[in-house]
Amino acid sequence: MALPALQELEATLDDLCRYSGKAELLYGQVVPLMPTGRAPSFAALEIAVSLRLHVRGTGLPGVTVADNAGFVVDLPHRRSFSPDAAYYEGPNSGMKFYEGAPRFAAEVRSENDYGVIAEHELEQKRHDYFAAGCLVVWDVDLLGEEVIVRKYTPASGATTPEATFTRGENADAEPAVPGWTMPVDDLFEP
């Protein structure tokens, strides 16, 4: 007599909370996100610092969110995001994950975020951000030939950027973060 196959249990938000590293809940599984190196880490921190100074200086109602924070969403295949930097307007969840998508999310590419598979995964993630209610996603590419920051919005879609920003220019996150711009040159160590 054959034994019935064991079904793999679907991971929960509690499982994600207990995970010891940066991860997201995707397709019912806790998916680890690789640690970044010096350049991506520096760029993510610069985005968060610039954003925080703007939010505090202008009195915007939201908060700046640094790397490794979790945002709980309710999509059919995705239950969380963990952007490299973000701007969030929503309820204060205390010690729990943020509830809902950020208005703005920055995804800084690491060395493993290149190639056909990575491009597809990044595009799908942008699509998920917009489905969850995010207004602007930055794809920060520190190895690109020309373009450094690609700005995506629901109107432009997850495939074609609404705008691109290179060295010597200021990137914006309108309409998600009104009035905020950041020099692209600040993404690189002096």
Protein backbone atom coordinates (compact mmCIF):
# COMPACT_ATOMS: atom_id res chain seq x y z
CA MET A 1 0.00 0.00 0.00
CA ALA A 2 1.40 3.36 -1.04
CA LEU A 3 1.53 6.14 1.50
CA PRO A 4 -0.15 9.42 0.58
CA ALA A 5 2.30 12.13 -0.46
CA LEU A 6 3.08 14.69 2.18
CA GLN A 7 1.92 18.12 1.19
CA GLU A 8 4.34 20.96 1.76
CA LEU A 9 2.93 23.39 4.28
CA GLU A 10 2.45 26.98 3.20
CA ALA A 11 4.64 29.41 5.15
CA THR A 12 2.93 32.09 7.21
CA LEU A 13 3.80 35.59 8.34
CA ASP A 14 4.79 34.06 11.68
CA ASP A 15 7.33 31.91 9.80
CA LEU A 16 8.65 35.03 8.11
CA CYS A 17 8.96 36.78 11.49
CA ARG A 18 11.06 33.90 12.80
CA TYR A 19 13.38 33.86 9.80
CA SER A 20 16.81 35.13 10.84
CA GLY A 21 17.67 37.10 7.71
CA LYS A 22 16.12 39.36 5.10
CA ALA A 23 13.36 37.53 3.23
CA GLU A 24 9.96 37.87 1.60
CA LEU A 25 6.90 35.61 1.62
CA LEU A 26 6.32 34.58 -1.97
CA TYR A 27 4.29 31.68 -3.39
CA GLY A 28 3.73 30.40 0.14
CA GLN A 29 7.44 30.13 0.91
CA VAL A 30 9.93 32.22 2.85
CA VAL A 31 12.31 33.37 0.12
CA PRO A 32 15.71 34.53 1.43
CA LEU A 33 17.13 37.72 -0.06
CA MET A 34 20.89 37.73 -0.49
CA PRO A 35 22.95 40.18 1.56
CA THR A 36 24.38 43.05 -0.46
CA GLY A 37 27.89 44.32 -0.86
CA ARG A 38 29.41 47.69 -0.18
CA ALA A 39 28.14 49.69 -3.19
CA PRO A 40 24.47 48.59 -3.04
CA SER A 41 24.39 49.00 0.73
CA PHE A 42 25.86 52.50 0.48
CA ALA A 43 23.31 53.51 -2.21
CA ALA A 44 20.35 52.16 -0.19
CA LEU A 45 21.48 54.06 2.90
CA GLU A 46 21.92 57.30 0.93
CA ILE A 47 18.39 56.97 -0.46
CA ALA A 48 16.95 56.42 3.02
CA VAL A 49 18.91 59.32 4.54
CA SER A 50 17.97 61.75 1.75
CA LEU A 51 14.34 60.66 1.96
CA ARG A 52 14.28 60.98 5.76
CA LEU A 53 15.68 64.51 5.65
CA HIS A 54 13.02 65.50 3.12
CA VAL A 55 10.13 63.88 5.02
CA ARG A 56 11.13 65.52 8.31
CA GLY A 57 11.90 68.87 6.69
CA THR A 58 8.58 69.11 4.87
CA GLY A 59 6.31 67.48 7.42
CA LEU A 60 4.98 64.83 5.06
CA PRO A 61 2.62 62.50 6.93
CA GLY A 62 4.56 59.30 6.30
CA VAL A 63 7.81 57.74 7.46
CA THR A 64 11.06 56.75 5.82
CA VAL A 65 11.77 53.05 6.01
CA ALA A 66 15.29 51.63 5.86
CA ASP A 67 16.47 48.29 4.52
CA ASN A 68 15.23 44.98 5.97
CA ALA A 69 11.74 46.14 6.99
CA GLY A 70 8.78 43.97 6.03
CA PHE A 71 5.57 45.19 4.38
CA VAL A 72 2.59 42.83 4.55
CA VAL A 73 0.38 42.77 1.45
CA ASP A 74 -2.48 40.56 0.32
CA LEU A 75 -1.73 39.41 -3.21
CA PRO A 76 -2.56 35.89 -4.44
CA HIS A 77 1.10 34.83 -4.58
CA ARG A 78 2.89 37.46 -2.48
CA ARG A 79 2.40 38.29 1.18
CA SER A 80 5.34 40.64 1.76
CA PHE A 81 7.95 43.02 0.39
CA SER A 82 11.29 44.05 1.85
CA PRO A 83 12.60 46.99 -0.22
CA ASP A 84 16.03 48.54 0.24
CA ALA A 85 14.48 51.91 1.13
CA ALA A 86 10.88 53.11 1.16
CA TYR A 87 8.38 55.82 2.05
CA TYR A 88 5.24 54.67 3.85
CA GLU A 89 1.96 56.34 4.81
CA GLY A 90 -0.18 53.99 6.83
CA PRO A 91 -1.04 52.78 10.30
CA ASN A 92 1.62 52.46 12.98
CA SER A 93 2.01 48.71 13.51
CA GLY A 94 4.47 49.02 16.38
CA MET A 95 6.83 46.05 16.42
CA LYS A 96 4.94 44.24 13.64
CA PHE A 97 5.53 44.48 9.89
CA TYR A 98 4.19 47.53 8.05
CA GLU A 99 0.65 46.93 6.83
CA GLY A 100 0.20 47.47 3.11
CA ALA A 101 2.57 48.57 0.39
CA PRO A 102 4.85 51.58 0.67
CA ARG A 103 4.02 54.58 -1.52
CA PHE A 104 7.62 54.53 -2.78
CA ALA A 105 10.06 51.62 -2.89
CA ALA A 106 13.71 51.58 -3.95
CA GLU A 107 15.22 48.31 -5.11
CA VAL A 108 19.01 48.57 -5.38
CA ARG A 109 20.50 45.83 -7.51
CA SER A 110 23.14 43.56 -6.07
CA GLU A 111 25.71 41.76 -8.19
CA ASN A 112 23.32 38.79 -8.61
CA ASP A 113 20.45 40.96 -9.91
CA TYR A 114 21.53 40.80 -13.56
CA GLY A 115 20.67 38.45 -16.40
CA VAL A 116 17.48 37.21 -18.02
CA ILE A 117 16.05 35.46 -14.94
CA ALA A 118 16.84 38.38 -12.63
CA GLU A 119 15.26 40.86 -15.06
CA HIS A 120 12.08 38.79 -15.14
CA GLU A 121 11.98 38.54 -11.33
CA LEU A 122 12.52 42.30 -10.92
CA GLU A 123 9.78 43.06 -13.45
CA GLN A 124 7.38 40.71 -11.65
CA LYS A 125 8.21 42.32 -8.33
CA ARG A 126 7.46 45.80 -9.75
CA HIS A 127 4.15 44.46 -11.05
CA ASP A 128 3.40 43.15 -7.54
CA TYR A 129 4.31 46.48 -5.96
CA PHE A 130 1.79 48.25 -8.20
CA ALA A 131 -0.90 45.60 -7.64
CA ALA A 132 -0.46 46.18 -3.89
CA GLY A 133 -0.84 49.97 -4.23
CA CYS A 134 2.73 51.32 -4.51
CA LEU A 135 2.95 54.53 -6.56
CA VAL A 136 6.65 54.62 -7.56
CA VAL A 137 9.39 52.00 -7.72
CA TRP A 138 13.02 52.83 -8.37
CA ASP A 139 15.27 50.23 -9.99
CA VAL A 140 18.75 51.39 -8.99
CA ASP A 141 21.39 49.94 -11.31
CA LEU A 142 24.91 50.79 -10.18
CA LEU A 143 26.55 48.82 -13.01
CA GLY A 144 24.55 50.26 -15.90
CA GLU A 145 26.32 51.94 -18.79
CA GLU A 146 24.22 55.12 -18.73
CA VAL A 147 21.03 54.76 -16.75
CA ILE A 148 21.42 54.54 -12.99
CA VAL A 149 17.83 54.99 -11.71
CA ARG A 150 14.79 53.77 -13.59
CA LYS A 151 11.52 55.18 -12.23
CA TYR A 152 8.44 53.02 -12.70
CA THR A 153 4.84 54.00 -11.96
CA PRO A 154 1.52 52.20 -12.42
CA ALA A 155 0.91 54.36 -15.50
CA SER A 156 4.21 53.35 -17.11
CA GLY A 157 3.86 49.74 -16.03
CA ALA A 158 6.43 47.31 -14.70
CA THR A 159 8.31 46.94 -18.00
CA THR A 160 8.96 50.43 -19.37
CA PRO A 161 10.25 53.14 -17.03
CA GLU A 162 8.40 56.44 -16.88
CA ALA A 163 11.76 58.22 -16.49
CA THR A 164 15.44 57.43 -16.23
CA PHE A 165 18.10 59.36 -14.34
CA THR A 166 21.87 59.31 -14.77
CA ARG A 167 24.89 60.88 -13.08
CA GLY A 168 24.62 64.65 -12.95
CA GLU A 169 20.80 64.51 -12.70
CA ASN A 170 18.33 64.50 -9.82
CA ALA A 171 15.97 61.54 -9.53
CA ASP A 172 12.44 62.10 -8.25
CA ALA A 173 9.69 59.90 -6.84
CA GLU A 174 6.65 61.98 -7.84
CA PRO A 175 3.80 61.54 -7.05
CA ALA A 176 4.67 59.16 -4.18
CA VAL A 177 6.98 61.59 -2.37
CA PRO A 178 6.00 65.17 -3.29
CA GLY A 179 8.89 67.57 -3.79
CA TRP A 180 11.69 65.08 -3.10
CA THR A 181 14.63 64.77 -5.45
CA MET A 182 17.99 63.13 -4.92
CA PRO A 183 21.22 63.66 -6.84
CA VAL A 184 22.10 60.42 -8.63
CA ASP A 185 25.75 61.16 -7.87
CA ASP A 186 24.96 60.67 -4.15
CA LEU A 187 24.40 56.96 -4.80
CA PHE A 188 28.17 56.52 -5.11
CA GLU A 189 30.83 56.88 -2.46
CA PRO A 190 32.91 60.05 -2.88
